[in-house]
Amino acid sequence: MSEGLMKMWVALSSIGLMFIAVFSIMFSRSKLSGIIQVIVSIFAWLCMITAGILILIVVLSGPVKG
């Protein structure tokens, strides 16, 4: 697998993590309460932080040669 294709999959997976984070935080705020809400919110934040780190790695690694 080429480096460009690998970077594409990493970026796509981080976008997926962002969608999971958004929908889980919306679900936890509207439907849940108590400790379950806190757990789902922490999961959403972890997904968002992971996605941000992955996107940062893809962007800072620069363009792919050839």
N, C-alpha and C. Protein backbone atom coordinates (compact mmCIF):
# COMPACT_ATOMS: atom_id res chain seq x y z
N MET A 1 0.85 -1.18 0.00
CA MET A 1 0.00 0.00 0.00
C MET A 1 0.90 1.24 0.00
N SER A 2 0.58 2.18 -0.86
CA SER A 2 1.41 3.38 -0.97
C SER A 2 1.19 4.31 0.22
N GLU A 3 2.13 5.24 0.38
CA GLU A 3 2.06 6.17 1.51
C GLU A 3 0.84 7.08 1.40
N GLY A 4 0.54 7.51 0.17
CA GLY A 4 -0.63 8.37 -0.04
C GLY A 4 -1.93 7.68 0.30
N LEU A 5 -2.03 6.40 -0.08
CA LEU A 5 -3.25 5.64 0.23
C LEU A 5 -3.38 5.41 1.72
N MET A 6 -2.26 5.18 2.38
CA MET A 6 -2.28 4.98 3.82
C MET A 6 -2.74 6.26 4.54
N LYS A 7 -2.23 7.41 4.09
CA LYS A 7 -2.65 8.67 4.68
C LYS A 7 -4.13 8.93 4.44
N MET A 8 -4.64 8.52 3.27
CA MET A 8 -6.05 8.68 2.99
C MET A 8 -6.90 7.88 3.97
N TRP A 9 -6.51 6.63 4.25
CA TRP A 9 -7.28 5.80 5.17
C TRP A 9 -7.22 6.34 6.60
N VAL A 10 -6.07 6.87 6.99
CA VAL A 10 -5.95 7.46 8.33
C VAL A 10 -6.86 8.68 8.45
N ALA A 11 -6.86 9.53 7.42
CA ALA A 11 -7.73 10.72 7.44
C ALA A 11 -9.20 10.32 7.42
N LEU A 12 -9.54 9.32 6.63
CA LEU A 12 -10.94 8.87 6.57
C LEU A 12 -11.39 8.27 7.90
N SER A 13 -10.51 7.53 8.54
CA SER A 13 -10.89 6.96 9.84
C SER A 13 -11.03 8.04 10.91
N SER A 14 -10.23 9.09 10.82
CA SER A 14 -10.38 10.17 11.79
C SER A 14 -11.67 10.95 11.56
N ILE A 15 -12.08 11.10 10.31
CA ILE A 15 -13.37 11.72 10.02
C ILE A 15 -14.50 10.86 10.59
N GLY A 16 -14.38 9.54 10.45
CA GLY A 16 -15.36 8.64 11.04
C GLY A 16 -15.42 8.76 12.56
N LEU A 17 -14.25 8.90 13.19
CA LEU A 17 -14.22 9.09 14.64
C LEU A 17 -14.91 10.39 15.04
N MET A 18 -14.75 11.42 14.22
CA MET A 18 -15.44 12.69 14.52
C MET A 18 -16.95 12.54 14.44
N PHE A 19 -17.44 11.81 13.43
CA PHE A 19 -18.88 11.57 13.34
C PHE A 19 -19.39 10.77 14.53
N ILE A 20 -18.64 9.75 14.93
CA ILE A 20 -19.02 8.96 16.11
C ILE A 20 -19.08 9.85 17.35
N ALA A 21 -18.10 10.73 17.48
CA ALA A 21 -18.07 11.62 18.64
C ALA A 21 -19.27 12.56 18.65
N VAL A 22 -19.58 13.13 17.50
CA VAL A 22 -20.71 14.07 17.44
C VAL A 22 -22.02 13.38 17.77
N PHE A 23 -22.26 12.22 17.16
CA PHE A 23 -23.53 11.54 17.41
C PHE A 23 -23.63 10.98 18.82
N SER A 24 -22.52 10.53 19.39
CA SER A 24 -22.59 10.02 20.76
C SER A 24 -22.78 11.15 21.77
N ILE A 25 -22.21 12.32 21.53
CA ILE A 25 -22.43 13.42 22.47
C ILE A 25 -23.86 13.94 22.35
N MET A 26 -24.41 13.96 21.14
CA MET A 26 -25.81 14.37 20.97
C MET A 26 -26.74 13.37 21.66
N PHE A 27 -26.44 12.08 21.51
CA PHE A 27 -27.27 11.05 22.14
C PHE A 27 -27.17 11.13 23.66
N SER A 28 -25.97 11.33 24.17
CA SER A 28 -25.82 11.35 25.63
C SER A 28 -26.50 12.57 26.25
N ARG A 29 -26.49 13.69 25.55
CA ARG A 29 -27.13 14.88 26.12
C ARG A 29 -28.64 14.85 26.02
N SER A 30 -29.18 14.16 25.02
CA SER A 30 -30.64 14.19 24.85
C SER A 30 -31.35 13.00 25.48
N LYS A 31 -30.72 11.83 25.52
CA LYS A 31 -31.43 10.63 25.96
C LYS A 31 -30.94 10.02 27.26
N LEU A 32 -29.72 10.31 27.65
CA LEU A 32 -29.15 9.63 28.81
C LEU A 32 -29.05 10.55 30.02
N SER A 33 -28.83 9.94 31.18
CA SER A 33 -28.61 10.72 32.40
C SER A 33 -27.77 9.88 33.35
N GLY A 34 -27.17 10.55 34.29
CA GLY A 34 -26.40 9.86 35.31
C GLY A 34 -25.02 9.45 34.83
N ILE A 35 -24.55 8.34 35.37
CA ILE A 35 -23.20 7.86 35.09
C ILE A 35 -23.05 7.40 33.65
N ILE A 36 -24.12 6.88 33.06
CA ILE A 36 -24.06 6.45 31.66
C ILE A 36 -23.80 7.65 30.75
N GLN A 37 -24.40 8.79 31.05
CA GLN A 37 -24.17 9.99 30.27
C GLN A 37 -22.70 10.42 30.36
N VAL A 38 -22.13 10.33 31.53
CA VAL A 38 -20.73 10.70 31.73
C VAL A 38 -19.82 9.76 30.95
N ILE A 39 -20.11 8.47 30.98
CA ILE A 39 -19.29 7.49 30.28
C ILE A 39 -19.34 7.72 28.77
N VAL A 40 -20.52 7.95 28.24
CA VAL A 40 -20.66 8.19 26.79
C VAL A 40 -20.01 9.50 26.40
N SER A 41 -20.10 10.51 27.25
CA SER A 41 -19.44 11.79 26.96
C SER A 41 -17.93 11.65 26.97
N ILE A 42 -17.39 10.90 27.91
CA ILE A 42 -15.94 10.67 27.94
C ILE A 42 -15.50 9.90 26.70
N PHE A 43 -16.29 8.92 26.28
CA PHE A 43 -16.00 8.18 25.05
C PHE A 43 -15.99 9.12 23.84
N ALA A 44 -16.94 10.05 23.80
CA ALA A 44 -17.00 11.00 22.69
C ALA A 44 -15.78 11.91 22.68
N TRP A 45 -15.38 12.38 23.85
CA TRP A 45 -14.19 13.23 23.92
C TRP A 45 -12.94 12.48 23.52
N LEU A 46 -12.82 11.23 23.92
CA LEU A 46 -11.67 10.43 23.52
C LEU A 46 -11.63 10.22 22.01
N CYS A 47 -12.79 9.99 21.41
CA CYS A 47 -12.86 9.85 19.95
C CYS A 47 -12.43 11.15 19.27
N MET A 48 -12.88 12.27 19.78
CA MET A 48 -12.55 13.56 19.17
C MET A 48 -11.07 13.89 19.33
N ILE A 49 -10.50 13.61 20.48
CA ILE A 49 -9.08 13.86 20.69
C ILE A 49 -8.23 12.96 19.79
N THR A 50 -8.60 11.68 19.69
CA THR A 50 -7.88 10.76 18.81
C THR A 50 -7.96 11.21 17.36
N ALA A 51 -9.15 11.63 16.94
CA ALA A 51 -9.31 12.11 15.56
C ALA A 51 -8.47 13.35 15.31
N GLY A 52 -8.42 14.25 16.26
CA GLY A 52 -7.61 15.45 16.11
C GLY A 52 -6.13 15.15 15.99
N ILE A 53 -5.65 14.21 16.79
CA ILE A 53 -4.24 13.82 16.73
C ILE A 53 -3.93 13.17 15.38
N LEU A 54 -4.82 12.30 14.91
CA LEU A 54 -4.59 11.66 13.61
C LEU A 54 -4.58 12.66 12.47
N ILE A 55 -5.50 13.60 12.47
CA ILE A 55 -5.53 14.62 11.42
C ILE A 55 -4.28 15.48 11.50
N LEU A 56 -3.85 15.80 12.69
CA LEU A 56 -2.63 16.60 12.86
C LEU A 56 -1.41 15.87 12.29
N ILE A 57 -1.33 14.58 12.51
CA ILE A 57 -0.24 13.78 11.96
C ILE A 57 -0.28 13.78 10.43
N VAL A 58 -1.47 13.62 9.86
CA VAL A 58 -1.60 13.59 8.40
C VAL A 58 -1.22 14.95 7.82
N VAL A 59 -1.67 16.01 8.42
CA VAL A 59 -1.41 17.35 7.88
C VAL A 59 0.07 17.71 8.02
N LEU A 60 0.66 17.44 9.17
CA LEU A 60 2.04 17.83 9.39
C LEU A 60 3.06 16.93 8.70
N SER A 61 2.63 15.77 8.21
CA SER A 61 3.57 14.89 7.53
C SER A 61 3.88 15.37 6.11
N GLY A 62 3.10 16.30 5.61
CA GLY A 62 3.40 16.91 4.32
C GLY A 62 2.90 16.11 3.14
N PRO A 63 3.20 16.60 1.96
CA PRO A 63 2.73 15.94 0.75
C PRO A 63 3.49 14.64 0.48
N VAL A 64 2.86 13.79 -0.33
CA VAL A 64 3.44 12.50 -0.68
C VAL A 64 4.17 12.64 -2.01
N LYS A 65 5.33 12.02 -2.11
CA LYS A 65 6.10 12.06 -3.36
C LYS A 65 5.62 10.97 -4.30
N GLY A 66 5.29 11.36 -5.49
CA GLY A 66 5.03 10.46 -6.58
C GLY A 66 3.91 9.56 -6.54
